[in-house]
Amino acid sequence: MNVFGVDIGGSGIKGAPVDLERGDLAQERHKVLTPHPATPDAVADGVAEVIGHFGWTGPVGITFPGVVTGGITRTAANVDKGWIDKDAAKLLGDRIGGLPVTILNDADAAGVAEVTFGAGRGRKGTVILLTLGTGIGSAVFIDGRLVPNTELGHLELHGHDAEKRASTKAKESEDLTWEHWARRVQKYLAHVEMLFSPELFVIGGGVSRKADRFLPLIEGVRAEIVPAELQNNAGIVGAAMAAAGR
């Protein structure tokens, strides 16, 4: 069974049909750049372009980089503030011709995919997925059950939002070495561990493809730390799972 998933990120909007039996993309994903400013109308156009690329006519799952409750986007840290309290499900559904739309937090979607098909599969206790990208997204699971909309990227770390210090955007904008950035990620993980005592951290986002460059540099964290197995496709897979009611 194939269902379409779209992942809205701070830098790109990407999507593809997903094979829900395998937990993998059924076709190569299509990506467009996230518009700046990332207003609701401009992003909706990008989503429509991605879906239109495949001529898709069935249900669609869409992730959003912020808190989502009942189809309403409640926060907007790395997109335009016009998303706050927006009926995103209606906006996006109308823009793609009335197709059935399910919207959820991007990290929650990635986490559900990883817990079902990837690095968190079969793991009990507390598992925390963190997506390192334009910001830091989080998904917390207890015995495989999601605690939605946790937003741990906004924990305070040394007087700043953690994502302002430890995201991959911070690494790039400050031109940090892998070693310097890994120390920041280490401090962040230690802080999250102090609050939640997880058994496992799963590190997702595009940087998970380069996990060997920084994960071995992280010390002093008791929890096991592993890269996401679905890497940057996890959000698309999780979005499709949500659209299918899984």
Foldseek 3Di string as FASTA:
>chain_A
DWFKEWEDDLFKIKIAIADLVQLGGPDDIDIDTQDVQNALVSVLVRVLVRCVVVPDAAEYFYADAAADDPQQGQDDDRHDRNSHRDSSQVSNCVSNPNHHYHYFHQQQLLVLSCCPNHDNPPPAAWEKEWEAALFIDIWIDHGSHTPGGPPQQQDDDPNGRLRCQAHVNVCVVVVNALLVNLVSVLSSLVVVCVVGVTQEYEYAYQCLVVCVSRVVNRDDHNHHYHYIPNHHCSSRSSRRCVSVVD
